[in-house]
Amino acid sequence: MTPERPPPLPHRHSDGSVPRSRWWQPAVVN
């Protein structure tokens, strides 16, 4: 039984900031 992997980190801009429109959305919806 393998543990579930956490969703990947959100994409970042070149300056390191997280885009405002999608930072809270996980990669997979449970």
PDB file of all heavy atoms in Angstrom:
ATOM      1  N   MET A   1       0.847  -1.172   0.000  1.00  0.00           N
ATOM      2  CA  MET A   1       0.000   0.000   0.000  1.00  0.00           C
ATOM      3  C   MET A   1       0.895   1.238   0.000  1.00  0.00           C
ATOM      4  O   MET A   1       1.637   1.483   0.946  1.00  0.00           O
ATOM      5  CB  MET A   1      -0.885  -0.043   1.229  1.00  0.00           C
ATOM      6  CG  MET A   1      -1.822   1.073   1.332  1.00  0.00           C
ATOM      7  SD  MET A   1      -2.874   0.753   2.762  1.00  0.00           S
ATOM      8  CE  MET A   1      -4.170   1.829   2.367  1.00  0.00           C
ATOM      9  N   THR A   2       0.835   1.994  -1.053  1.00  0.00           N
ATOM     10  CA  THR A   2       1.667   3.184  -1.157  1.00  0.00           C
ATOM     11  C   THR A   2       0.878   4.400  -0.700  1.00  0.00           C
ATOM     12  O   THR A   2      -0.302   4.539  -1.015  1.00  0.00           O
ATOM     13  CB  THR A   2       2.122   3.396  -2.619  1.00  0.00           C
ATOM     14  OG1 THR A   2       0.960   3.573  -3.427  1.00  0.00           O
ATOM     15  CG2 THR A   2       2.928   2.214  -3.108  1.00  0.00           C
ATOM     16  N   PRO A   3       1.510   5.272   0.072  1.00  0.00           N
ATOM     17  CA  PRO A   3       0.798   6.469   0.527  1.00  0.00           C
ATOM     18  C   PRO A   3       0.554   7.406  -0.656  1.00  0.00           C
ATOM     19  O   PRO A   3       1.317   7.445  -1.611  1.00  0.00           O
ATOM     20  CB  PRO A   3       1.743   7.088   1.549  1.00  0.00           C
ATOM     21  CG  PRO A   3       3.086   6.561   1.207  1.00  0.00           C
ATOM     22  CD  PRO A   3       2.865   5.209   0.593  1.00  0.00           C
ATOM     23  N   GLU A   4      -0.548   8.165  -0.559  1.00  0.00           N
ATOM     24  CA  GLU A   4      -0.845   9.127  -1.608  1.00  0.00           C
ATOM     25  C   GLU A   4       0.169  10.260  -1.559  1.00  0.00           C
ATOM     26  O   GLU A   4       0.525  10.750  -0.497  1.00  0.00           O
ATOM     27  CB  GLU A   4      -2.248   9.688  -1.421  1.00  0.00           C
ATOM     28  CG  GLU A   4      -3.330   8.705  -1.714  1.00  0.00           C
ATOM     29  CD  GLU A   4      -4.696   9.361  -1.608  1.00  0.00           C
ATOM     30  OE1 GLU A   4      -4.799  10.570  -1.850  1.00  0.00           O
ATOM     31  OE2 GLU A   4      -5.645   8.650  -1.286  1.00  0.00           O
ATOM     32  N   ARG A   5       0.597  10.650  -2.740  1.00  0.00           N
ATOM     33  CA  ARG A   5       1.533  11.769  -2.811  1.00  0.00           C
ATOM     34  C   ARG A   5       0.761  13.072  -2.746  1.00  0.00           C
ATOM     35  O   ARG A   5      -0.330  13.176  -3.282  1.00  0.00           O
ATOM     36  CB  ARG A   5       2.323  11.713  -4.113  1.00  0.00           C
ATOM     37  CG  ARG A   5       3.249  10.537  -4.133  1.00  0.00           C
ATOM     38  CD  ARG A   5       4.090  10.431  -5.355  1.00  0.00           C
ATOM     39  NE  ARG A   5       3.860  11.448  -6.354  1.00  0.00           N
ATOM     40  CZ  ARG A   5       4.609  11.591  -7.431  1.00  0.00           C
ATOM     41  NH1 ARG A   5       5.609  10.785  -7.636  1.00  0.00           N
ATOM     42  NH2 ARG A   5       4.353  12.519  -8.310  1.00  0.00           N
ATOM     43  N   PRO A   6       1.303  14.072  -2.070  1.00  0.00           N
ATOM     44  CA  PRO A   6       0.610  15.356  -2.019  1.00  0.00           C
ATOM     45  C   PRO A   6       0.607  15.989  -3.406  1.00  0.00           C
ATOM     46  O   PRO A   6       1.438  15.656  -4.254  1.00  0.00           O
ATOM     47  CB  PRO A   6       1.441  16.178  -1.029  1.00  0.00           C
ATOM     48  CG  PRO A   6       2.770  15.542  -1.036  1.00  0.00           C
ATOM     49  CD  PRO A   6       2.552  14.089  -1.327  1.00  0.00           C
ATOM     50  N   PRO A   7      -0.356  16.885  -3.667  1.00  0.00           N
ATOM     51  CA  PRO A   7      -0.384  17.518  -4.974  1.00  0.00           C
ATOM     52  C   PRO A   7       0.875  18.344  -5.195  1.00  0.00           C
ATOM     53  O   PRO A   7       1.494  18.820  -4.236  1.00  0.00           O
ATOM     54  CB  PRO A   7      -1.628  18.403  -4.920  1.00  0.00           C
ATOM     55  CG  PRO A   7      -1.958  18.553  -3.498  1.00  0.00           C
ATOM     56  CD  PRO A   7      -1.403  17.363  -2.790  1.00  0.00           C
ATOM     57  N   PRO A   8       1.272  18.505  -6.440  1.00  0.00           N
ATOM     58  CA  PRO A   8       2.481  19.292  -6.704  1.00  0.00           C
ATOM     59  C   PRO A   8       2.276  20.748  -6.311  1.00  0.00           C
ATOM     60  O   PRO A   8       1.154  21.235  -6.229  1.00  0.00           O
ATOM     61  CB  PRO A   8       2.679  19.144  -8.213  1.00  0.00           C
ATOM     62  CG  PRO A   8       1.346  18.790  -8.743  1.00  0.00           C
ATOM     63  CD  PRO A   8       0.653  18.029  -7.659  1.00  0.00           C
ATOM     64  N   LEU A   9       3.376  21.415  -6.060  1.00  0.00           N
ATOM     65  CA  LEU A   9       3.313  22.824  -5.718  1.00  0.00           C
ATOM     66  C   LEU A   9       2.802  23.616  -6.912  1.00  0.00           C
ATOM     67  O   LEU A   9       2.986  23.222  -8.060  1.00  0.00           O
ATOM     68  CB  LEU A   9       4.698  23.330  -5.313  1.00  0.00           C
ATOM     69  CG  LEU A   9       5.246  22.759  -4.009  1.00  0.00           C
ATOM     70  CD1 LEU A   9       6.669  23.225  -3.796  1.00  0.00           C
ATOM     71  CD2 LEU A   9       4.376  23.182  -2.852  1.00  0.00           C
ATOM     72  N   PRO A  10       2.151  24.755  -6.648  1.00  0.00           N
ATOM     73  CA  PRO A  10       1.643  25.538  -7.765  1.00  0.00           C
ATOM     74  C   PRO A  10       2.787  26.104  -8.600  1.00  0.00           C
ATOM     75  O   PRO A  10       3.912  26.260  -8.124  1.00  0.00           O
ATOM     76  CB  PRO A  10       0.849  26.652  -7.088  1.00  0.00           C
ATOM     77  CG  PRO A  10       1.280  26.671  -5.680  1.00  0.00           C
ATOM     78  CD  PRO A  10       1.817  25.322  -5.358  1.00  0.00           C
ATOM     79  N   HIS A  11       2.465  26.389  -9.833  1.00  0.00           N
ATOM     80  CA  HIS A  11       3.465  26.982 -10.719  1.00  0.00           C
ATOM     81  C   HIS A  11       3.838  28.366 -10.207  1.00  0.00           C
ATOM     82  O   HIS A  11       3.036  29.072  -9.642  1.00  0.00           O
ATOM     83  CB  HIS A  11       2.913  27.098 -12.138  1.00  0.00           C
ATOM     84  CG  HIS A  11       2.533  25.775 -12.719  1.00  0.00           C
ATOM     85  ND1 HIS A  11       3.449  24.814 -13.052  1.00  0.00           N
ATOM     86  CD2 HIS A  11       1.326  25.241 -13.013  1.00  0.00           C
ATOM     87  CE1 HIS A  11       2.832  23.752 -13.534  1.00  0.00           C
ATOM     88  NE2 HIS A  11       1.524  23.981 -13.513  1.00  0.00           N
ATOM     89  N   ARG A  12       5.079  28.739 -10.442  1.00  0.00           N
ATOM     90  CA  ARG A  12       5.545  30.048  -9.987  1.00  0.00           C
ATOM     91  C   ARG A  12       6.020  30.865 -11.176  1.00  0.00           C
ATOM     92  O   ARG A  12       6.459  30.330 -12.174  1.00  0.00           O
ATOM     93  CB  ARG A  12       6.686  29.890  -8.988  1.00  0.00           C
ATOM     94  CG  ARG A  12       6.262  29.186  -7.722  1.00  0.00           C
ATOM     95  CD  ARG A  12       7.394  29.219  -6.697  1.00  0.00           C
ATOM     96  NE  ARG A  12       6.995  28.553  -5.483  1.00  0.00           N
ATOM     97  CZ  ARG A  12       6.359  29.144  -4.483  1.00  0.00           C
ATOM     98  NH1 ARG A  12       6.053  30.405  -4.556  1.00  0.00           N
ATOM     99  NH2 ARG A  12       6.034  28.467  -3.409  1.00  0.00           N
ATOM    100  N   HIS A  13       5.913  32.180 -11.016  1.00  0.00           N
ATOM    101  CA  HIS A  13       6.446  33.080 -12.027  1.00  0.00           C
ATOM    102  C   HIS A  13       7.965  33.091 -11.927  1.00  0.00           C
ATOM    103  O   HIS A  13       8.566  32.556 -10.991  1.00  0.00           O
ATOM    104  CB  HIS A  13       5.916  34.504 -11.815  1.00  0.00           C
ATOM    105  CG  HIS A  13       4.465  34.649 -12.134  1.00  0.00           C
ATOM    106  ND1 HIS A  13       3.946  34.471 -13.384  1.00  0.00           N
ATOM    107  CD2 HIS A  13       3.406  34.960 -11.336  1.00  0.00           C
ATOM    108  CE1 HIS A  13       2.650  34.676 -13.371  1.00  0.00           C
ATOM    109  NE2 HIS A  13       2.290  34.964 -12.125  1.00  0.00           N
ATOM    110  N   SER A  14       8.589  33.723 -12.887  1.00  0.00           N
ATOM    111  CA  SER A  14      10.059  33.785 -12.884  1.00  0.00           C
ATOM    112  C   SER A  14      10.587  34.558 -11.676  1.00  0.00           C
ATOM    113  O   SER A  14      11.709  34.328 -11.234  1.00  0.00           O
ATOM    114  CB  SER A  14      10.563  34.413 -14.184  1.00  0.00           C
ATOM    115  OG  SER A  14      10.017  35.717 -14.326  1.00  0.00           O
ATOM    116  N   ASP A  15       9.786  35.472 -11.128  1.00  0.00           N
ATOM    117  CA  ASP A  15      10.240  36.221  -9.958  1.00  0.00           C
ATOM    118  C   ASP A  15       9.947  35.482  -8.648  1.00  0.00           C
ATOM    119  O   ASP A  15      10.229  35.979  -7.577  1.00  0.00           O
ATOM    120  CB  ASP A  15       9.614  37.611  -9.939  1.00  0.00           C
ATOM    121  CG  ASP A  15       8.103  37.573  -9.827  1.00  0.00           C
ATOM    122  OD1 ASP A  15       7.522  36.472  -9.925  1.00  0.00           O
ATOM    123  OD2 ASP A  15       7.510  38.651  -9.645  1.00  0.00           O
ATOM    124  N   GLY A  16       9.356  34.280  -8.736  1.00  0.00           N
ATOM    125  CA  GLY A  16       9.092  33.471  -7.550  1.00  0.00           C
ATOM    126  C   GLY A  16       7.703  33.644  -6.972  1.00  0.00           C
ATOM    127  O   GLY A  16       7.339  32.958  -6.033  1.00  0.00           O
ATOM    128  N   SER A  17       6.916  34.565  -7.523  1.00  0.00           N
ATOM    129  CA  SER A  17       5.572  34.771  -6.985  1.00  0.00           C
ATOM    130  C   SER A  17       4.610  33.729  -7.553  1.00  0.00           C
ATOM    131  O   SER A  17       4.822  33.178  -8.627  1.00  0.00           O
ATOM    132  CB  SER A  17       5.076  36.187  -7.312  1.00  0.00           C
ATOM    133  OG  SER A  17       4.938  36.332  -8.711  1.00  0.00           O
ATOM    134  N   VAL A  18       3.563  33.476  -6.801  1.00  0.00           N
ATOM    135  CA  VAL A  18       2.546  32.506  -7.208  1.00  0.00           C
ATOM    136  C   VAL A  18       1.439  33.261  -7.945  1.00  0.00           C
ATOM    137  O   VAL A  18       1.015  34.318  -7.494  1.00  0.00           O
ATOM    138  CB  VAL A  18       1.972  31.785  -5.965  1.00  0.00           C
ATOM    139  CG1 VAL A  18       0.863  30.833  -6.357  1.00  0.00           C
ATOM    140  CG2 VAL A  18       3.072  31.068  -5.228  1.00  0.00           C
ATOM    141  N   PRO A  19       0.954  32.758  -9.080  1.00  0.00           N
ATOM    142  CA  PRO A  19      -0.143  33.448  -9.771  1.00  0.00           C
ATOM    143  C   PRO A  19      -1.369  33.545  -8.872  1.00  0.00           C
ATOM    144  O   PRO A  19      -1.724  32.613  -8.166  1.00  0.00           O
ATOM    145  CB  PRO A  19      -0.434  32.548 -10.980  1.00  0.00           C
ATOM    146  CG  PRO A  19       0.767  31.692 -11.148  1.00  0.00           C
ATOM    147  CD  PRO A  19       1.415  31.582  -9.805  1.00  0.00           C
ATOM    148  N   ARG A  20      -2.025  34.690  -8.879  1.00  0.00           N
ATOM    149  CA  ARG A  20      -3.142  34.949  -7.978  1.00  0.00           C
ATOM    150  C   ARG A  20      -4.362  34.101  -8.280  1.00  0.00           C
ATOM    151  O   ARG A  20      -5.097  33.735  -7.393  1.00  0.00           O
ATOM    152  CB  ARG A  20      -3.521  36.415  -8.042  1.00  0.00           C
ATOM    153  CG  ARG A  20      -2.475  37.318  -7.476  1.00  0.00           C
ATOM    154  CD  ARG A  20      -2.973  38.737  -7.480  1.00  0.00           C
ATOM    155  NE  ARG A  20      -4.142  38.883  -6.641  1.00  0.00           N
ATOM    156  CZ  ARG A  20      -4.135  39.281  -5.382  1.00  0.00           C
ATOM    157  NH1 ARG A  20      -2.993  39.564  -4.818  1.00  0.00           N
ATOM    158  NH2 ARG A  20      -5.240  39.396  -4.693  1.00  0.00           N
ATOM    159  N   SER A  21      -4.621  33.766  -9.524  1.00  0.00           N
ATOM    160  CA  SER A  21      -5.876  33.123  -9.858  1.00  0.00           C
ATOM    161  C   SER A  21      -5.898  31.630  -9.540  1.00  0.00           C
ATOM    162  O   SER A  21      -6.965  31.052  -9.438  1.00  0.00           O
ATOM    163  CB  SER A  21      -6.186  33.328 -11.339  1.00  0.00           C
ATOM    164  OG  SER A  21      -5.181  32.732 -12.123  1.00  0.00           O
ATOM    165  N   ARG A  22      -4.772  30.976  -9.371  1.00  0.00           N
ATOM    166  CA  ARG A  22      -4.793  29.535  -9.205  1.00  0.00           C
ATOM    167  C   ARG A  22      -3.938  29.018  -8.040  1.00  0.00           C
ATOM    168  O   ARG A  22      -3.705  27.838  -7.947  1.00  0.00           O
ATOM    169  CB  ARG A  22      -4.305  28.874 -10.494  1.00  0.00           C
ATOM    170  CG  ARG A  22      -5.081  29.374 -11.699  1.00  0.00           C
ATOM    171  CD  ARG A  22      -4.890  28.521 -12.855  1.00  0.00           C
ATOM    172  NE  ARG A  22      -5.862  27.443 -12.690  1.00  0.00           N
ATOM    173  CZ  ARG A  22      -5.779  26.297 -13.294  1.00  0.00           C
ATOM    174  NH1 ARG A  22      -4.790  26.048 -14.097  1.00  0.00           N
ATOM    175  NH2 ARG A  22      -6.683  25.369 -13.119  1.00  0.00           N
ATOM    176  N   TRP A  23      -3.481  29.838  -7.153  1.00  0.00           N
ATOM    177  CA  TRP A  23      -2.571  29.367  -6.111  1.00  0.00           C
ATOM    178  C   TRP A  23      -3.252  28.418  -5.142  1.00  0.00           C
ATOM    179  O   TRP A  23      -2.616  27.575  -4.532  1.00  0.00           O
ATOM    180  CB  TRP A  23      -1.952  30.538  -5.349  1.00  0.00           C
ATOM    181  CG  TRP A  23      -2.918  31.290  -4.504  1.00  0.00           C
ATOM    182  CD1 TRP A  23      -3.649  32.377  -4.869  1.00  0.00           C
ATOM    183  CD2 TRP A  23      -3.283  31.002  -3.169  1.00  0.00           C
ATOM    184  NE1 TRP A  23      -4.443  32.789  -3.853  1.00  0.00           N
ATOM    185  CE2 TRP A  23      -4.247  31.952  -2.786  1.00  0.00           C
ATOM    186  CE3 TRP A  23      -2.907  30.031  -2.246  1.00  0.00           C
ATOM    187  CZ2 TRP A  23      -4.817  31.963  -1.531  1.00  0.00           C
ATOM    188  CZ3 TRP A  23      -3.494  30.052  -0.999  1.00  0.00           C
ATOM    189  CH2 TRP A  23      -4.416  31.007  -0.654  1.00  0.00           C
ATOM    190  N   TRP A  24      -4.569  28.496  -4.959  1.00  0.00           N
ATOM    191  CA  TRP A  24      -5.277  27.674  -3.980  1.00  0.00           C
ATOM    192  C   TRP A  24      -5.792  26.373  -4.547  1.00  0.00           C
ATOM    193  O   TRP A  24      -6.239  25.516  -3.794  1.00  0.00           O
ATOM    194  CB  TRP A  24      -6.451  28.459  -3.410  1.00  0.00           C
ATOM    195  CG  TRP A  24      -7.447  28.850  -4.455  1.00  0.00           C
ATOM    196  CD1 TRP A  24      -7.408  29.959  -5.246  1.00  0.00           C
ATOM    197  CD2 TRP A  24      -8.591  28.127  -4.845  1.00  0.00           C
ATOM    198  NE1 TRP A  24      -8.462  29.967  -6.095  1.00  0.00           N
ATOM    199  CE2 TRP A  24      -9.210  28.840  -5.882  1.00  0.00           C
ATOM    200  CE3 TRP A  24      -9.165  26.938  -4.444  1.00  0.00           C
ATOM    201  CZ2 TRP A  24     -10.363  28.420  -6.500  1.00  0.00           C
ATOM    202  CZ3 TRP A  24     -10.325  26.521  -5.073  1.00  0.00           C
ATOM    203  CH2 TRP A  24     -10.912  27.265  -6.080  1.00  0.00           C
ATOM    204  N   GLN A  25      -5.764  26.193  -5.849  1.00  0.00           N
ATOM    205  CA  GLN A  25      -6.349  25.002  -6.461  1.00  0.00           C
ATOM    206  C   GLN A  25      -5.357  23.847  -6.443  1.00  0.00           C
ATOM    207  O   GLN A  25      -4.272  23.955  -6.988  1.00  0.00           O
ATOM    208  CB  GLN A  25      -6.764  25.290  -7.895  1.00  0.00           C
ATOM    209  CG  GLN A  25      -7.906  26.262  -7.986  1.00  0.00           C
ATOM    210  CD  GLN A  25      -8.269  26.563  -9.420  1.00  0.00           C
ATOM    211  OE1 GLN A  25      -7.484  26.348 -10.315  1.00  0.00           O
ATOM    212  NE2 GLN A  25      -9.461  27.066  -9.613  1.00  0.00           N
ATOM    213  N   PRO A  26      -5.728  22.727  -5.860  1.00  0.00           N
ATOM    214  CA  PRO A  26      -4.844  21.565  -5.892  1.00  0.00           C
ATOM    215  C   PRO A  26      -4.829  20.946  -7.290  1.00  0.00           C
ATOM    216  O   PRO A  26      -5.689  21.229  -8.122  1.00  0.00           O
ATOM    217  CB  PRO A  26      -5.470  20.612  -4.876  1.00  0.00           C
ATOM    218  CG  PRO A  26      -6.893  21.000  -4.830  1.00  0.00           C
ATOM    219  CD  PRO A  26      -6.943  22.472  -5.097  1.00  0.00           C
ATOM    220  N   ALA A  27      -3.847  20.103  -7.536  1.00  0.00           N
ATOM    221  CA  ALA A  27      -3.730  19.469  -8.850  1.00  0.00           C
ATOM    222  C   ALA A  27      -4.882  18.503  -9.088  1.00  0.00           C
ATOM    223  O   ALA A  27      -5.361  18.361 -10.198  1.00  0.00           O
ATOM    224  CB  ALA A  27      -2.397  18.740  -8.962  1.00  0.00           C
ATOM    225  N   VAL A  28      -5.340  17.816  -8.048  1.00  0.00           N
ATOM    226  CA  VAL A  28      -6.418  16.840  -8.170  1.00  0.00           C
ATOM    227  C   VAL A  28      -7.522  17.205  -7.194  1.00  0.00           C
ATOM    228  O   VAL A  28      -7.265  17.502  -6.029  1.00  0.00           O
ATOM    229  CB  VAL A  28      -5.887  15.416  -7.858  1.00  0.00           C
ATOM    230  CG1 VAL A  28      -7.004  14.408  -7.913  1.00  0.00           C
ATOM    231  CG2 VAL A  28      -4.773  15.046  -8.810  1.00  0.00           C
ATOM    232  N   VAL A  29      -8.761  17.191  -7.668  1.00  0.00           N
ATOM    233  CA  VAL A  29      -9.899  17.476  -6.811  1.00  0.00           C
ATOM    234  C   VAL A  29     -10.359  16.174  -6.165  1.00  0.00           C
ATOM    235  O   VAL A  29     -10.608  15.187  -6.847  1.00  0.00           O
ATOM    236  CB  VAL A  29     -11.059  18.095  -7.628  1.00  0.00           C
ATOM    237  CG1 VAL A  29     -12.287  18.250  -6.770  1.00  0.00           C
ATOM    238  CG2 VAL A  29     -10.637  19.424  -8.210  1.00  0.00           C
ATOM    239  N   ASN A  30     -10.453  16.149  -4.843  1.00  0.00           N
ATOM    240  CA  ASN A  30     -10.938  14.984  -4.125  1.00  0.00           C
ATOM    241  C   ASN A  30     -12.454  15.107  -4.008  1.00  0.00           C
ATOM    242  O   ASN A  30     -12.974  15.853  -3.177  1.00  0.00           O
ATOM    243  CB  ASN A  30     -10.289  14.901  -2.746  1.00  0.00           C
ATOM    244  CG  ASN A  30     -10.581  13.599  -2.057  1.00  0.00           C
ATOM    245  OD1 ASN A  30     -11.485  12.855  -2.434  1.00  0.00           O
ATOM    246  ND2 ASN A  30      -9.797  13.312  -1.026  1.00  0.00           N
TER     247      ASN A  30
END
